């Protein structure tokens, strides 16, 4: 005896159609003042943002707080230099470019507390984006 399923109230194809919602886009001409932007570049970007609105998207002038970004970058860069090149710098310091040695040495000076703080701050910043 064949088993027969009851037809759903909403046809399957209707249930998988993408919802119709207005897209929202955040825009900042200069990342909240954290970086200088040439006026010509700013004008081009503003025109592009206006075109996005013309396609039905909502445009919000907004920017995450990037005030901690440089410190996060500095600490995590130093940590990565130590992880990637620390042993090589220790073994062959005289044969390696001074910039690489300097960056690696900056990483050697970091405490685990500083690295942990930077990782947490990066997570918070990512959450804002």
N, C-alpha and C. Protein backbone atom coordinates (compact mmCIF):
# COMPACT_ATOMS: atom_id res chain seq x y z
N UNK A 1 0.86 -1.17 0.00
CA UNK A 1 0.00 0.00 0.00
C UNK A 1 0.91 1.23 0.00
N UNK A 2 0.80 2.09 -1.01
CA UNK A 2 1.62 3.30 -1.07
C UNK A 2 1.28 4.27 0.06
N UNK A 3 2.31 4.93 0.55
CA UNK A 3 2.12 5.94 1.58
C UNK A 3 2.00 7.28 0.88
N UNK A 4 1.03 8.01 1.27
CA UNK A 4 0.81 9.30 0.62
C UNK A 4 0.99 10.42 1.65
N UNK A 5 1.84 11.39 1.31
CA UNK A 5 2.05 12.53 2.20
C UNK A 5 1.05 13.62 1.89
N UNK A 6 0.69 14.33 2.91
CA UNK A 6 -0.22 15.46 2.74
C UNK A 6 0.59 16.61 2.16
N UNK A 7 0.05 17.28 1.17
CA UNK A 7 0.74 18.41 0.53
C UNK A 7 0.91 19.54 1.54
N UNK A 8 2.06 20.17 1.56
CA UNK A 8 2.27 21.29 2.49
C UNK A 8 1.42 22.49 2.11
N UNK A 9 1.13 23.33 3.12
CA UNK A 9 0.35 24.53 2.83
C UNK A 9 1.10 25.49 1.93
N UNK A 10 2.42 25.60 2.13
CA UNK A 10 3.26 26.46 1.29
C UNK A 10 4.04 25.58 0.33
N UNK A 11 3.86 25.78 -0.96
CA UNK A 11 4.62 24.97 -1.91
C UNK A 11 6.12 25.11 -1.65
N UNK A 12 6.85 24.04 -1.85
CA UNK A 12 8.28 24.00 -1.58
C UNK A 12 9.03 25.13 -2.27
N UNK A 13 8.77 25.36 -3.54
CA UNK A 13 9.49 26.41 -4.26
C UNK A 13 9.29 27.79 -3.63
N UNK A 14 8.09 28.04 -3.11
CA UNK A 14 7.86 29.33 -2.46
C UNK A 14 8.66 29.45 -1.16
N UNK A 15 8.87 28.35 -0.48
CA UNK A 15 9.57 28.41 0.80
C UNK A 15 11.07 28.61 0.63
N UNK A 16 11.63 28.33 -0.53
CA UNK A 16 13.07 28.50 -0.72
C UNK A 16 13.42 29.76 -1.51
N UNK A 17 12.45 30.51 -1.92
CA UNK A 17 12.74 31.76 -2.60
C UNK A 17 13.40 32.72 -1.61
N UNK A 18 14.37 33.48 -2.08
CA UNK A 18 15.04 34.41 -1.16
C UNK A 18 14.07 35.46 -0.66
N UNK A 19 14.20 35.85 0.59
CA UNK A 19 13.31 36.89 1.11
C UNK A 19 13.60 38.22 0.43
N UNK A 20 12.59 38.99 0.30
CA UNK A 20 12.76 40.31 -0.29
C UNK A 20 13.03 41.28 0.86
N UNK A 21 14.25 41.77 0.91
CA UNK A 21 14.59 42.74 1.94
C UNK A 21 15.52 43.78 1.34
N UNK A 22 15.44 44.94 1.88
CA UNK A 22 16.28 46.02 1.39
C UNK A 22 17.70 45.82 1.92
N UNK A 23 18.66 45.88 1.06
CA UNK A 23 20.05 45.73 1.44
C UNK A 23 20.54 47.01 2.11
N UNK A 24 21.41 46.84 3.10
CA UNK A 24 22.01 47.98 3.78
C UNK A 24 23.51 47.92 3.56
N UNK A 25 24.10 49.08 3.26
CA UNK A 25 25.53 49.19 3.02
C UNK A 25 26.07 50.31 3.89
N UNK A 26 27.17 50.02 4.60
CA UNK A 26 27.83 51.06 5.38
C UNK A 26 28.93 51.67 4.51
N UNK A 27 29.11 52.95 4.65
CA UNK A 27 30.10 53.68 3.85
C UNK A 27 30.80 54.69 4.73
N UNK A 28 32.09 54.80 4.55
CA UNK A 28 32.87 55.84 5.22
C UNK A 28 33.93 56.33 4.24
N UNK A 29 33.99 57.62 4.06
CA UNK A 29 34.96 58.18 3.11
C UNK A 29 36.40 58.05 3.61
N UNK A 30 36.59 58.08 4.94
CA UNK A 30 37.96 58.08 5.46
C UNK A 30 38.14 57.17 6.67
N UNK A 31 37.30 56.17 6.81
CA UNK A 31 37.36 55.22 7.93
C UNK A 31 37.37 55.94 9.28
N UNK A 32 36.44 56.88 9.39
CA UNK A 32 36.30 57.60 10.65
C UNK A 32 37.47 58.52 10.97
N UNK A 33 38.16 58.98 9.95
CA UNK A 33 39.30 59.87 10.16
C UNK A 33 40.59 59.15 10.46
N UNK A 34 40.58 57.83 10.38
CA UNK A 34 41.79 57.08 10.73
C UNK A 34 42.81 57.03 9.60
N UNK A 35 42.41 57.46 8.41
CA UNK A 35 43.36 57.45 7.30
C UNK A 35 43.06 58.60 6.35
N UNK A 36 44.08 59.28 5.86
CA UNK A 36 43.83 60.36 4.90
C UNK A 36 43.40 59.78 3.55
N UNK A 37 42.51 60.48 2.89
CA UNK A 37 42.02 60.05 1.58
C UNK A 37 42.10 61.24 0.64
N UNK A 38 42.71 61.04 -0.50
CA UNK A 38 42.81 62.07 -1.52
C UNK A 38 41.40 62.51 -1.93
N UNK A 39 41.21 63.79 -2.16
CA UNK A 39 39.88 64.32 -2.47
C UNK A 39 39.28 63.68 -3.73
N UNK A 40 40.12 63.40 -4.73
CA UNK A 40 39.61 62.76 -5.95
C UNK A 40 39.09 61.35 -5.64
N UNK A 41 39.82 60.62 -4.83
CA UNK A 41 39.39 59.26 -4.44
C UNK A 41 38.09 59.35 -3.65
N UNK A 42 38.00 60.32 -2.74
CA UNK A 42 36.78 60.49 -1.94
C UNK A 42 35.58 60.78 -2.83
N UNK A 43 35.76 61.61 -3.85
CA UNK A 43 34.66 61.93 -4.77
C UNK A 43 34.22 60.70 -5.55
N UNK A 44 35.16 59.92 -6.02
CA UNK A 44 34.85 58.70 -6.78
C UNK A 44 34.08 57.72 -5.89
N UNK A 45 34.54 57.57 -4.67
CA UNK A 45 33.87 56.64 -3.75
C UNK A 45 32.47 57.13 -3.39
N UNK A 46 32.31 58.44 -3.19
CA UNK A 46 30.99 58.99 -2.88
C UNK A 46 30.02 58.78 -4.05
N UNK A 47 30.51 58.94 -5.27
CA UNK A 47 29.66 58.70 -6.44
C UNK A 47 29.26 57.23 -6.53
N UNK A 48 30.19 56.33 -6.22
CA UNK A 48 29.88 54.90 -6.24
C UNK A 48 28.84 54.58 -5.16
N UNK A 49 28.98 55.19 -3.99
CA UNK A 49 28.01 54.97 -2.91
C UNK A 49 26.62 55.45 -3.34
N UNK A 50 26.56 56.58 -4.03
CA UNK A 50 25.28 57.10 -4.50
C UNK A 50 24.65 56.14 -5.51
N UNK A 51 25.47 55.51 -6.34
CA UNK A 51 24.94 54.54 -7.31
C UNK A 51 24.34 53.33 -6.58
N UNK A 52 24.94 52.94 -5.48
CA UNK A 52 24.41 51.82 -4.70
C UNK A 52 23.01 52.15 -4.22
N UNK A 53 22.81 53.38 -3.76
CA UNK A 53 21.47 53.79 -3.32
C UNK A 53 20.49 53.75 -4.49
N UNK A 54 20.98 54.07 -5.68
CA UNK A 54 20.12 54.04 -6.87
C UNK A 54 19.64 52.64 -7.21
N UNK A 55 20.29 51.62 -6.67
CA UNK A 55 19.87 50.24 -6.91
C UNK A 55 19.00 49.72 -5.77
N UNK A 56 18.53 50.61 -4.92
CA UNK A 56 17.58 50.22 -3.89
C UNK A 56 18.19 49.88 -2.54
N UNK A 57 19.46 50.06 -2.37
CA UNK A 57 20.07 49.74 -1.08
C UNK A 57 20.05 50.97 -0.18
N UNK A 58 19.95 50.73 1.10
CA UNK A 58 20.05 51.81 2.08
C UNK A 58 21.53 52.03 2.35
N UNK A 59 21.93 53.29 2.39
CA UNK A 59 23.34 53.61 2.61
C UNK A 59 23.46 54.34 3.94
N UNK A 60 24.27 53.77 4.83
CA UNK A 60 24.52 54.39 6.13
C UNK A 60 25.96 54.87 6.17
N UNK A 61 26.14 56.15 6.49
CA UNK A 61 27.52 56.62 6.70
C UNK A 61 27.90 56.17 8.10
N UNK A 62 28.74 55.15 8.16
CA UNK A 62 29.13 54.57 9.44
C UNK A 62 30.51 53.96 9.33
N UNK A 63 31.15 53.82 10.47
CA UNK A 63 32.49 53.26 10.48
C UNK A 63 32.76 52.65 11.86
N UNK A 64 33.33 51.45 11.89
CA UNK A 64 33.73 50.90 13.18
C UNK A 64 34.81 51.77 13.82
N UNK A 65 34.99 51.61 15.11
CA UNK A 65 36.04 52.35 15.82
C UNK A 65 37.37 51.66 15.56
N UNK A 66 38.20 52.28 14.74
CA UNK A 66 39.50 51.72 14.39
C UNK A 66 40.64 52.27 15.25
N UNK A 67 40.31 52.91 16.36
CA UNK A 67 41.36 53.55 17.16
C UNK A 67 42.37 52.54 17.70
N UNK A 68 41.98 51.30 17.88
CA UNK A 68 42.91 50.29 18.40
C UNK A 68 43.59 49.48 17.29
N UNK A 69 43.25 49.73 16.05
CA UNK A 69 43.72 48.88 14.94
C UNK A 69 45.24 48.88 14.79
N UNK A 70 45.88 50.02 14.92
CA UNK A 70 47.34 50.06 14.74
C UNK A 70 48.06 49.22 15.80
N UNK A 71 47.61 49.32 17.04
CA UNK A 71 48.24 48.54 18.11
C UNK A 71 47.97 47.04 17.92
N UNK A 72 46.76 46.70 17.53
CA UNK A 72 46.45 45.30 17.24
C UNK A 72 47.38 44.79 16.15
N UNK A 73 47.50 45.54 15.08
CA UNK A 73 48.35 45.15 13.97
C UNK A 73 49.80 45.00 14.42
N UNK A 74 50.31 45.98 15.16
CA UNK A 74 51.71 45.97 15.60
C UNK A 74 52.01 44.72 16.43
N UNK A 75 51.15 44.42 17.38
CA UNK A 75 51.39 43.28 18.26
C UNK A 75 51.28 41.96 17.49
N UNK A 76 50.20 41.81 16.71
CA UNK A 76 50.02 40.54 16.01
C UNK A 76 51.05 40.35 14.90
N UNK A 77 51.51 41.44 14.32
CA UNK A 77 52.58 41.34 13.33
C UNK A 77 53.85 40.83 14.00
N UNK A 78 54.20 41.39 15.15
CA UNK A 78 55.38 40.94 15.87
C UNK A 78 55.28 39.47 16.25
N UNK A 79 54.10 39.06 16.71
CA UNK A 79 53.89 37.66 17.06
C UNK A 79 54.08 36.76 15.84
N UNK A 80 53.57 37.18 14.71
CA UNK A 80 53.70 36.37 13.49
C UNK A 80 55.14 36.30 13.01
N UNK A 81 55.87 37.40 13.12
CA UNK A 81 57.30 37.36 12.75
C UNK A 81 58.05 36.35 13.62
N UNK A 82 57.76 36.34 14.91
CA UNK A 82 58.43 35.38 15.80
C UNK A 82 58.05 33.96 15.40
N UNK A 83 56.77 33.73 15.17
CA UNK A 83 56.32 32.39 14.81
C UNK A 83 56.88 31.91 13.49
N UNK A 84 56.94 32.80 12.52
CA UNK A 84 57.39 32.41 11.18
C UNK A 84 58.91 32.42 11.04
N UNK A 85 59.57 33.42 11.65
CA UNK A 85 60.99 33.63 11.36
C UNK A 85 61.89 33.68 12.59
N UNK A 86 61.31 33.52 13.77
CA UNK A 86 62.08 33.68 14.99
C UNK A 86 63.31 32.78 15.06
N UNK A 87 63.15 31.51 14.76
CA UNK A 87 64.29 30.59 14.83
C UNK A 87 65.35 30.95 13.79
N UNK A 88 64.89 31.30 12.59
CA UNK A 88 65.83 31.69 11.53
C UNK A 88 66.61 32.94 11.92
N UNK A 89 65.93 33.93 12.48
CA UNK A 89 66.61 35.16 12.91
C UNK A 89 67.61 34.84 14.00
N UNK A 90 67.25 33.96 14.92
CA UNK A 90 68.20 33.58 15.98
C UNK A 90 69.42 32.87 15.42
N UNK A 91 69.21 32.04 14.41
CA UNK A 91 70.31 31.25 13.85
C UNK A 91 71.17 32.01 12.85
N UNK A 92 70.57 32.91 12.07
CA UNK A 92 71.29 33.55 10.96
C UNK A 92 71.07 35.06 10.93
N UNK A 93 71.02 35.68 12.07
CA UNK A 93 70.73 37.11 12.20
C UNK A 93 71.54 37.97 11.23
N UNK A 94 72.82 37.73 11.09
CA UNK A 94 73.69 38.56 10.25
C UNK A 94 73.35 38.45 8.76
N UNK A 95 72.68 37.38 8.36
CA UNK A 95 72.37 37.17 6.95
C UNK A 95 70.98 37.66 6.55
N UNK A 96 70.24 38.19 7.48
CA UNK A 96 68.84 38.56 7.23
C UNK A 96 68.70 40.07 7.19
N UNK A 97 67.81 40.55 6.32
CA UNK A 97 67.58 41.99 6.19
C UNK A 97 67.27 42.63 7.54
N UNK A 98 67.83 43.81 7.79
CA UNK A 98 67.62 44.46 9.09
C UNK A 98 66.15 44.69 9.44
N UNK A 99 65.32 44.97 8.44
CA UNK A 99 63.90 45.21 8.71
C UNK A 99 63.23 43.96 9.27
N UNK A 100 63.62 42.80 8.75
CA UNK A 100 63.05 41.54 9.22
C UNK A 100 63.53 41.26 10.65
N UNK A 101 64.80 41.51 10.89
CA UNK A 101 65.36 41.32 12.23
C UNK A 101 64.65 42.24 13.21
N UNK A 102 64.47 43.51 12.83
CA UNK A 102 63.83 44.48 13.72
C UNK A 102 62.40 44.04 14.05
N UNK A 103 61.61 43.66 13.03
CA UNK A 103 60.23 43.23 13.28
C UNK A 103 60.18 42.00 14.16
N UNK A 104 61.10 41.07 13.94
CA UNK A 104 61.13 39.86 14.75
C UNK A 104 61.52 40.20 16.19
N UNK A 105 62.49 41.08 16.36
CA UNK A 105 62.89 41.50 17.71
C UNK A 105 61.73 42.18 18.44
N UNK A 106 60.94 42.95 17.72
CA UNK A 106 59.76 43.56 18.34
C UNK A 106 58.82 42.48 18.87
N UNK A 107 58.68 41.42 18.11
CA UNK A 107 57.84 40.31 18.54
C UNK A 107 58.40 39.59 19.76
N UNK A 108 59.71 39.42 19.82
CA UNK A 108 60.34 38.77 20.97
C UNK A 108 60.10 39.56 22.26
N UNK A 109 59.92 40.86 22.15
CA UNK A 109 59.71 41.71 23.33
C UNK A 109 58.29 41.62 23.89
N UNK A 110 57.37 41.03 23.13
CA UNK A 110 55.97 41.00 23.54
C UNK A 110 55.75 40.00 24.68
N UNK A 111 54.86 40.38 25.58
CA UNK A 111 54.44 39.44 26.63
C UNK A 111 53.21 38.68 26.13
N UNK A 112 52.96 37.54 26.72
CA UNK A 112 51.76 36.78 26.36
C UNK A 112 50.51 37.58 26.70
N UNK A 113 50.58 38.38 27.75
CA UNK A 113 49.45 39.23 28.11
C UNK A 113 49.14 40.22 26.98
N UNK A 114 50.19 40.82 26.43
CA UNK A 114 50.02 41.78 25.33
C UNK A 114 49.41 41.10 24.11
N UNK A 115 49.89 39.89 23.79
CA UNK A 115 49.35 39.15 22.65
C UNK A 115 47.89 38.79 22.90
N UNK A 116 47.58 38.34 24.10
CA UNK A 116 46.19 38.02 24.44
C UNK A 116 45.28 39.23 24.34
N UNK A 117 45.76 40.37 24.83
CA UNK A 117 44.97 41.61 24.73
C UNK A 117 44.71 41.95 23.26
N UNK A 118 45.73 41.81 22.42
CA UNK A 118 45.58 42.14 21.00
C UNK A 118 44.61 41.18 20.32
N UNK A 119 44.67 39.91 20.66
CA UNK A 119 43.73 38.95 20.06
C UNK A 119 42.30 39.27 20.48
N UNK A 120 42.08 39.60 21.75
CA UNK A 120 40.73 39.96 22.19
C UNK A 120 40.25 41.23 21.50
N UNK A 121 41.14 42.21 21.39
CA UNK A 121 40.78 43.48 20.72
C UNK A 121 40.45 43.22 19.25
N UNK A 122 41.21 42.32 18.61
CA UNK A 122 40.90 42.00 17.22
C UNK A 122 39.52 41.36 17.11
N UNK A 123 39.20 40.47 18.03
CA UNK A 123 37.86 39.86 18.02
C UNK A 123 36.77 40.89 18.19
N UNK A 124 36.99 41.87 19.09
CA UNK A 124 36.00 42.92 19.29
C UNK A 124 35.85 43.78 18.04
N UNK A 125 36.98 44.10 17.40
CA UNK A 125 36.93 44.90 16.18
C UNK A 125 36.21 44.13 15.07
N UNK A 126 36.52 42.85 14.93
CA UNK A 126 35.83 42.04 13.92
C UNK A 126 34.33 42.00 14.18
N UNK A 127 33.94 41.99 15.45
CA UNK A 127 32.51 42.00 15.79
C UNK A 127 31.81 43.28 15.37
N UNK A 128 32.54 44.37 15.32
CA UNK A 128 31.96 45.65 14.90
C UNK A 128 31.76 45.72 13.39
N UNK A 129 32.60 44.99 12.69
CA UNK A 129 32.56 45.03 11.23
C UNK A 129 31.49 44.08 10.78
